Amino acid sequence: MSVFISHSFENLPEFENVTDALDLRSVPFWNPAEIRPGASLREQLRAAVERCGLCIFIATRKSIGSSWCGAELGAFWGAGKPIIVYLAEASLTDDELPQIVQGDVWERRISKIAERAKEILAQSTSDGSAGQVKRSSSVTQLTVEQLEKMIAGAVSLAAATAKDKGSSSSFEEVGSAARSAAGKVLAGFQASESARNGSCDDWRNRILWVDDRPQNNVYERKAMESMGLQFTLAESTDEAMQILSTNRFAAIISDMGRKEGPREGYVLLEAVRMEDKTTPFFIYAGSGSPQNRREAALRGAQGCTNFAEELIEMVTRSLPRGPDLRGPSSNEDEAGH
């Protein structure tokens, strides 16, 4: 069990300070130097996240604006693994942090970060088997109706994935896709349940989806509805802003080109960000190229993709948690930061 350090590569000095503090306390960590050239960076990061039991997020304005850091934090949050926030930029406030870590433990002293990481890893090692029992037992607590919804959602997600590929599939490929979809639907269901836990705010499971051709996203919505999410649909920027003026949502999904213009998704994003800096915003459009992802992140979006599975993973990871799921905050000790 080791520590994953989420950081912007422009914050190398801060990263090295953290690793030095961990080395002094014999705390193992994953080093990006282990990345193999030529292999998929995404898959290597995914494997590293799975192996690590804790994430230290080096919070700077560079890392907060990084889509990679956002994905890494989402992976740890979605897996229920602890995240410690190191406020490496003195002027940052809790409100400026990514929504999924707001209210969690944060610290400005590297020594405290390293000590807390050592404590958490030691506790995780001793409680690991109990955690596995708790995770698997949640399935047995589902009602027949919930299971039926999840099965229907898995089929819808598999259909959406097949639509993304745009080609016919063999029986084995369909079966594999259905099994994969079932796992993702279960993970999304658990995230949705966590969002509702301890809160009576119904906005925590409501999504605003803006698309002038909503019929194109039927499978995607059915898959997410099976997880307990609810949707409000809008077909234009004006309609979406009118809805947002009187309603709150856990996330916003938007297409890109609409009747209003070929980059109307960004028009909506800009309008939303003028009033709301925190609600997660996702572009679901015809291209998820690295260039489009970077532009979306720079404009204030939390994700950009043209794949149904990736969209669903990003949205469910962004769901806000109930108050009782947040870790203890160290913000009370203001004098020590």
Protein backbone atom coordinates (compact mmCIF):
# COMPACT_ATOMS: atom_id res chain seq x y z
CA MET A 1 0.00 0.00 0.00
CA SER A 2 1.46 3.35 -1.04
CA VAL A 3 0.66 7.03 -1.56
CA PHE A 4 -0.37 8.58 -4.88
CA ILE A 5 0.65 12.24 -5.23
CA SER A 6 -1.66 14.14 -7.57
CA HIS A 7 0.07 17.25 -8.87
CA SER A 8 0.70 19.41 -11.88
CA PHE A 9 4.06 18.71 -13.50
CA GLU A 10 4.64 22.46 -13.28
CA ASN A 11 4.75 22.02 -9.48
CA LEU A 12 7.80 19.74 -9.43
CA PRO A 13 9.49 21.55 -6.45
CA GLU A 14 6.38 21.08 -4.31
CA PHE A 15 6.18 17.42 -5.38
CA GLU A 16 9.81 16.86 -4.36
CA ASN A 17 9.20 18.52 -0.98
CA VAL A 18 6.36 16.11 -0.32
CA THR A 19 8.34 13.06 -1.41
CA ASP A 20 11.26 14.11 0.82
CA ALA A 21 8.92 14.32 3.81
CA LEU A 22 7.46 10.89 3.01
CA ASP A 23 10.95 9.39 2.60
CA LEU A 24 11.94 10.67 6.05
CA ARG A 25 9.04 8.73 7.54
CA SER A 26 9.53 5.64 5.36
CA VAL A 27 6.16 6.15 3.67
CA PRO A 28 6.09 4.49 0.22
CA PHE A 29 4.74 6.46 -2.72
CA TRP A 30 4.19 5.99 -6.42
CA ASN A 31 6.74 7.86 -8.51
CA PRO A 32 5.74 9.15 -11.98
CA ALA A 33 9.26 8.18 -13.06
CA GLU A 34 7.86 4.63 -13.23
CA ILE A 35 5.75 5.59 -16.27
CA ARG A 36 6.85 3.53 -19.26
CA PRO A 37 7.23 5.46 -22.53
CA GLY A 38 5.14 4.14 -25.37
CA ALA A 39 2.51 2.56 -23.13
CA SER A 40 -0.92 4.10 -22.42
CA LEU A 41 -0.52 6.87 -19.86
CA ARG A 42 -4.17 6.59 -18.86
CA GLU A 43 -3.89 2.85 -18.15
CA GLN A 44 -0.65 3.29 -16.17
CA LEU A 45 -2.24 6.00 -14.04
CA ARG A 46 -5.34 3.86 -13.55
CA ALA A 47 -3.18 0.96 -12.34
CA ALA A 48 -1.26 3.26 -9.99
CA VAL A 49 -4.49 4.59 -8.50
CA GLU A 50 -5.74 1.04 -7.91
CA ARG A 51 -2.52 0.09 -6.10
CA CYS A 52 -2.38 3.16 -3.88
CA GLY A 53 -4.44 3.48 -0.72
CA LEU A 54 -4.28 7.25 -0.30
CA CYS A 55 -4.00 10.38 -2.44
CA ILE A 56 -2.13 13.54 -1.51
CA PHE A 57 -3.34 16.38 -3.72
CA ILE A 58 -0.83 19.21 -4.11
CA ALA A 59 -3.26 22.09 -4.51
CA THR A 60 -2.08 25.00 -6.63
CA ARG A 61 -3.92 26.98 -9.26
CA LYS A 62 -2.07 24.94 -11.89
CA SER A 63 -3.19 21.61 -10.43
CA ILE A 64 -6.76 22.80 -9.80
CA GLY A 65 -6.99 23.64 -13.51
CA SER A 66 -5.48 20.32 -14.59
CA SER A 67 -7.90 17.82 -16.14
CA TRP A 68 -5.48 15.00 -15.25
CA CYS A 69 -5.51 15.98 -11.57
CA GLY A 70 -9.30 16.20 -11.72
CA ALA A 71 -9.49 12.68 -13.12
CA GLU A 72 -7.07 11.35 -10.47
CA LEU A 73 -9.06 12.93 -7.63
CA GLY A 74 -12.27 11.57 -9.11
CA ALA A 75 -10.80 8.08 -9.24
CA PHE A 76 -9.81 8.14 -5.56
CA TRP A 77 -13.12 9.70 -4.52
CA GLY A 78 -15.09 7.16 -6.55
CA ALA A 79 -13.14 4.29 -4.99
CA GLY A 80 -13.82 5.62 -1.48
CA LYS A 81 -10.10 6.12 -0.80
CA PRO A 82 -8.96 9.02 1.42
CA ILE A 83 -7.62 12.27 -0.04
CA ILE A 84 -5.43 14.72 1.85
CA VAL A 85 -5.13 18.21 0.39
CA TYR A 86 -1.78 19.98 0.65
CA LEU A 87 -2.39 23.71 0.14
CA ALA A 88 0.92 24.48 -1.54
CA GLU A 89 -0.19 27.91 -2.74
CA ALA A 90 -0.66 30.21 0.24
CA SER A 91 -3.43 32.34 -1.27
CA LEU A 92 -5.73 29.39 -2.02
CA THR A 93 -8.94 29.10 0.02
CA ASP A 94 -11.12 26.06 0.64
CA ASP A 95 -13.78 27.45 -1.72
CA GLU A 96 -11.32 27.43 -4.62
CA LEU A 97 -10.56 23.72 -4.27
CA PRO A 98 -12.22 21.11 -6.53
CA GLN A 99 -15.75 20.44 -5.31
CA ILE A 100 -15.12 16.80 -4.44
CA VAL A 101 -12.45 17.73 -1.85
CA GLN A 102 -14.04 20.85 -0.39
CA GLY A 103 -14.51 20.29 3.33
CA ASP A 104 -12.00 17.42 3.45
CA VAL A 105 -8.79 17.50 5.48
CA TRP A 106 -6.35 20.13 4.21
CA GLU A 107 -3.03 21.27 5.55
CA ARG A 108 -0.26 23.74 4.72
CA ARG A 109 2.50 21.99 6.69
CA ILE A 110 4.29 19.25 4.80
CA SER A 111 5.32 17.50 8.00
CA LYS A 112 1.68 17.13 9.03
CA ILE A 113 0.78 15.85 5.57
CA ALA A 114 3.43 13.13 5.76
CA GLU A 115 2.51 12.13 9.32
CA ARG A 116 -1.18 11.90 8.47
CA ALA A 117 -0.39 9.83 5.37
CA LYS A 118 1.60 7.37 7.46
CA GLU A 119 -1.27 7.04 9.96
CA ILE A 120 -3.88 6.47 7.24
CA LEU A 121 -1.82 3.84 5.43
CA ALA A 122 -1.19 1.99 8.68
CA GLN A 123 -4.90 2.04 9.49
CA SER A 124 -5.85 0.97 5.94
CA THR A 125 -3.51 -1.99 6.14
CA SER A 126 -5.03 -3.23 9.40
CA ASP A 127 -8.62 -2.63 8.28
CA GLY A 128 -8.29 -3.73 4.64
CA SER A 129 -10.12 -7.04 4.94
CA ALA A 130 -13.02 -5.48 6.83
CA GLY A 131 -13.34 -2.84 4.09
CA GLN A 132 -13.66 -5.54 1.46
CA VAL A 133 -16.51 -7.21 3.34
CA LYS A 134 -18.35 -3.94 3.65
CA ARG A 135 -17.99 -3.18 -0.07
CA SER A 136 -19.25 -6.55 -1.27
CA SER A 137 -22.10 -6.79 1.22
CA SER A 138 -23.76 -3.68 -0.23
CA VAL A 139 -24.94 -5.70 -3.23
CA THR A 140 -26.98 -8.06 -1.06
CA GLN A 141 -28.88 -5.10 0.37
CA LEU A 142 -30.33 -4.05 -3.00
CA THR A 143 -34.05 -4.55 -3.57
CA VAL A 144 -35.41 -6.49 -6.55
CA GLU A 145 -36.57 -3.21 -8.08
CA GLN A 146 -33.09 -1.70 -7.70
CA LEU A 147 -31.49 -4.76 -9.29
CA GLU A 148 -33.93 -4.59 -12.20
CA LYS A 149 -33.06 -0.94 -12.75
CA MET A 150 -29.36 -1.73 -12.62
CA ILE A 151 -29.72 -4.54 -15.17
CA ALA A 152 -31.67 -2.25 -17.47
CA GLY A 153 -29.01 0.41 -16.97
CA ALA A 154 -26.21 -2.03 -17.81
CA VAL A 155 -27.97 -2.99 -21.05
CA SER A 156 -28.47 0.69 -21.93
CA LEU A 157 -24.82 1.47 -21.23
CA ALA A 158 -23.69 -1.49 -23.34
CA ALA A 159 -25.92 -0.22 -26.15
CA ALA A 160 -24.48 3.29 -25.82
CA THR A 161 -20.96 1.87 -25.93
CA ALA A 162 -21.79 -0.11 -29.07
CA LYS A 163 -23.17 3.08 -30.59
CA ASP A 164 -19.89 4.85 -29.82
CA LYS A 165 -17.90 2.16 -31.61
CA GLY A 166 -20.20 2.37 -34.61
CA SER A 167 -19.67 -1.23 -35.66
CA SER A 168 -21.27 -4.62 -35.18
CA SER A 169 -19.95 -6.78 -32.35
CA SER A 170 -19.65 -10.50 -31.75
CA PHE A 171 -21.63 -12.32 -29.06
CA GLU A 172 -18.49 -12.50 -26.89
CA GLU A 173 -17.86 -8.78 -27.27
CA VAL A 174 -21.45 -7.95 -26.35
CA GLY A 175 -21.23 -10.18 -23.27
CA SER A 176 -17.97 -8.59 -22.20
CA ALA A 177 -19.43 -5.11 -22.72
CA ALA A 178 -22.50 -6.02 -20.65
CA ARG A 179 -20.36 -7.33 -17.78
CA SER A 180 -18.22 -4.20 -17.85
CA ALA A 181 -21.32 -2.01 -18.00
CA ALA A 182 -22.86 -3.81 -15.03
CA GLY A 183 -19.81 -3.03 -12.92
CA LYS A 184 -19.90 0.61 -13.93
CA VAL A 185 -23.62 0.88 -13.22
CA LEU A 186 -23.09 -0.62 -9.76
CA ALA A 187 -20.28 1.85 -9.06
CA GLY A 188 -22.49 4.70 -10.26
CA PHE A 189 -25.38 3.45 -8.13
CA GLN A 190 -23.13 3.45 -5.06
CA ALA A 191 -21.93 6.97 -5.85
CA SER A 192 -25.52 8.13 -6.28
CA GLU A 193 -26.51 6.53 -2.97
CA SER A 194 -23.55 8.26 -1.29
CA ALA A 195 -24.70 11.59 -2.70
CA ARG A 196 -28.13 11.09 -1.12
CA ASN A 197 -26.79 9.78 2.17
CA GLY A 198 -27.32 12.17 5.05
CA SER A 199 -28.98 14.85 2.92
CA CYS A 200 -32.53 15.75 1.97
CA ASP A 201 -31.36 17.98 -0.90
CA ASP A 202 -32.85 16.47 -4.04
CA TRP A 203 -30.51 18.53 -6.30
CA ARG A 204 -27.67 16.17 -5.38
CA ASN A 205 -28.98 13.58 -7.83
CA ARG A 206 -30.37 15.87 -10.52
CA ILE A 207 -28.52 16.56 -13.77
CA LEU A 208 -29.25 19.26 -16.33
CA TRP A 209 -28.64 17.90 -19.86
CA VAL A 210 -28.54 20.48 -22.65
CA ASP A 211 -28.83 19.13 -26.21
CA ASP A 212 -31.00 20.19 -29.14
CA ARG A 213 -31.34 16.51 -30.08
CA PRO A 214 -32.08 14.78 -26.77
CA GLN A 215 -33.18 11.61 -28.56
CA ASN A 216 -29.51 10.96 -29.37
CA ASN A 217 -28.73 10.39 -25.68
CA VAL A 218 -31.57 8.10 -24.63
CA TYR A 219 -29.33 5.12 -23.78
CA GLU A 220 -26.95 7.26 -21.75
CA ARG A 221 -29.76 8.76 -19.69
CA LYS A 222 -31.39 5.38 -19.10
CA ALA A 223 -28.09 4.01 -17.83
CA MET A 224 -27.68 6.89 -15.39
CA GLU A 225 -31.34 6.85 -14.38
CA SER A 226 -30.80 3.24 -13.28
CA MET A 227 -28.22 4.63 -10.86
CA GLY A 228 -30.80 6.88 -9.24
CA LEU A 229 -30.03 10.04 -11.19
CA GLN A 230 -32.76 12.31 -12.52
CA PHE A 231 -32.61 14.56 -15.57
CA THR A 232 -33.98 17.91 -16.61
CA LEU A 233 -33.64 18.51 -20.36
CA ALA A 234 -33.04 21.77 -22.21
CA GLU A 235 -32.59 22.28 -25.95
CA SER A 236 -30.93 25.71 -26.00
CA THR A 237 -28.63 27.96 -23.98
CA ASP A 238 -31.46 30.37 -23.16
CA GLU A 239 -33.70 27.55 -21.92
CA ALA A 240 -30.85 26.11 -19.83
CA MET A 241 -30.05 29.47 -18.19
CA GLN A 242 -33.73 30.02 -17.41
CA ILE A 243 -33.87 26.62 -15.70
CA LEU A 244 -30.64 27.31 -13.80
CA SER A 245 -31.98 30.62 -12.52
CA THR A 246 -34.47 28.79 -10.29
CA ASN A 247 -32.96 25.32 -9.86
CA ARG A 248 -29.76 23.75 -8.55
CA PHE A 249 -28.11 20.68 -10.08
CA ALA A 250 -25.36 18.26 -9.16
CA ALA A 251 -23.87 18.55 -12.67
CA ILE A 252 -24.49 19.95 -16.14
CA ILE A 253 -23.95 18.03 -19.39
CA SER A 254 -23.90 19.88 -22.70
CA ASP A 255 -23.39 19.09 -26.36
CA MET A 256 -21.21 21.42 -28.44
CA GLY A 257 -22.84 22.42 -31.72
CA ARG A 258 -26.48 23.46 -31.68
CA LYS A 259 -28.82 25.53 -33.82
CA GLU A 260 -27.48 28.66 -32.11
CA GLY A 261 -23.92 27.99 -33.26
CA PRO A 262 -21.16 25.37 -33.76
CA ARG A 263 -19.51 26.13 -30.36
CA GLU A 264 -22.66 26.80 -28.35
CA GLY A 265 -21.50 24.41 -25.62
CA TYR A 266 -18.77 26.91 -24.73
CA VAL A 267 -21.26 29.79 -24.88
CA LEU A 268 -23.34 27.99 -22.26
CA LEU A 269 -20.26 27.14 -20.20
CA GLU A 270 -19.17 30.79 -20.15
CA ALA A 271 -22.66 31.94 -19.16
CA VAL A 272 -22.82 29.35 -16.36
CA ARG A 273 -19.36 30.21 -15.03
CA MET A 274 -20.26 33.91 -14.78
CA GLU A 275 -22.85 32.95 -12.16
CA ASP A 276 -21.62 29.61 -10.83
CA LYS A 277 -17.97 28.58 -10.41
CA THR A 278 -18.49 25.18 -8.79
CA THR A 279 -21.20 23.05 -10.44
CA PRO A 280 -19.40 20.37 -12.50
CA PHE A 281 -19.83 20.95 -16.24
CA PHE A 282 -19.19 18.25 -18.85
CA ILE A 283 -19.01 18.52 -22.64
CA TYR A 284 -20.43 15.45 -24.41
CA ALA A 285 -19.67 16.10 -28.02
CA GLY A 286 -18.44 14.54 -31.25
CA SER A 287 -14.76 14.77 -30.38
CA GLY A 288 -12.86 13.98 -27.19
CA SER A 289 -9.44 14.83 -28.63
CA PRO A 290 -6.66 15.99 -26.26
CA GLN A 291 -6.91 19.48 -27.76
CA ASN A 292 -10.65 19.67 -27.07
CA ARG A 293 -10.15 18.31 -23.55
CA ARG A 294 -7.52 20.95 -22.81
CA GLU A 295 -9.67 23.76 -24.17
CA ALA A 296 -12.68 22.58 -22.18
CA ALA A 297 -10.62 22.45 -18.97
CA LEU A 298 -9.18 25.93 -19.58
CA ARG A 299 -12.70 27.29 -20.06
CA GLY A 300 -13.84 25.81 -16.74
CA ALA A 301 -15.30 22.41 -17.65
CA GLN A 302 -14.58 19.33 -15.55
CA GLY A 303 -14.50 16.98 -18.52
CA CYS A 304 -14.92 16.56 -22.27
CA THR A 305 -15.58 13.24 -23.99
CA ASN A 306 -17.49 11.56 -26.80
CA PHE A 307 -17.65 8.16 -25.07
CA ALA A 308 -20.69 7.18 -22.99
CA GLU A 309 -18.74 5.10 -20.44
CA GLU A 310 -16.28 7.90 -19.76
CA LEU A 311 -19.07 10.46 -19.44
CA ILE A 312 -20.92 8.33 -16.91
CA GLU A 313 -17.74 7.72 -14.89
CA MET A 314 -16.92 11.43 -14.80
CA VAL A 315 -20.44 12.46 -13.81
CA THR A 316 -20.87 9.88 -11.04
CA ARG A 317 -17.44 10.72 -9.60
CA SER A 318 -18.40 14.39 -9.43
CA LEU A 319 -21.58 13.82 -7.40
CA PRO A 320 -21.54 15.78 -4.12
CA ARG A 321 -21.43 13.78 -0.92
CA GLY A 322 -23.75 13.99 2.06
CA PRO A 323 -22.41 15.93 5.06
CA ASP A 324 -21.68 12.79 7.08
CA LEU A 325 -19.37 11.41 4.37
CA ARG A 326 -16.89 14.24 4.58
CA GLY A 327 -13.72 13.64 6.52
CA PRO A 328 -12.81 15.62 9.63
CA SER A 329 -11.51 19.04 8.71
CA SER A 330 -8.31 20.48 10.05
CA ASN A 331 -9.52 24.00 9.21
CA GLU A 332 -10.36 24.61 12.85
CA ASP A 333 -6.67 25.01 13.63
CA GLU A 334 -6.25 28.16 11.59
CA ALA A 335 -3.25 29.33 13.59
CA GLY A 336 -1.22 26.34 12.51
CA HIS A 337 -1.61 26.80 8.74
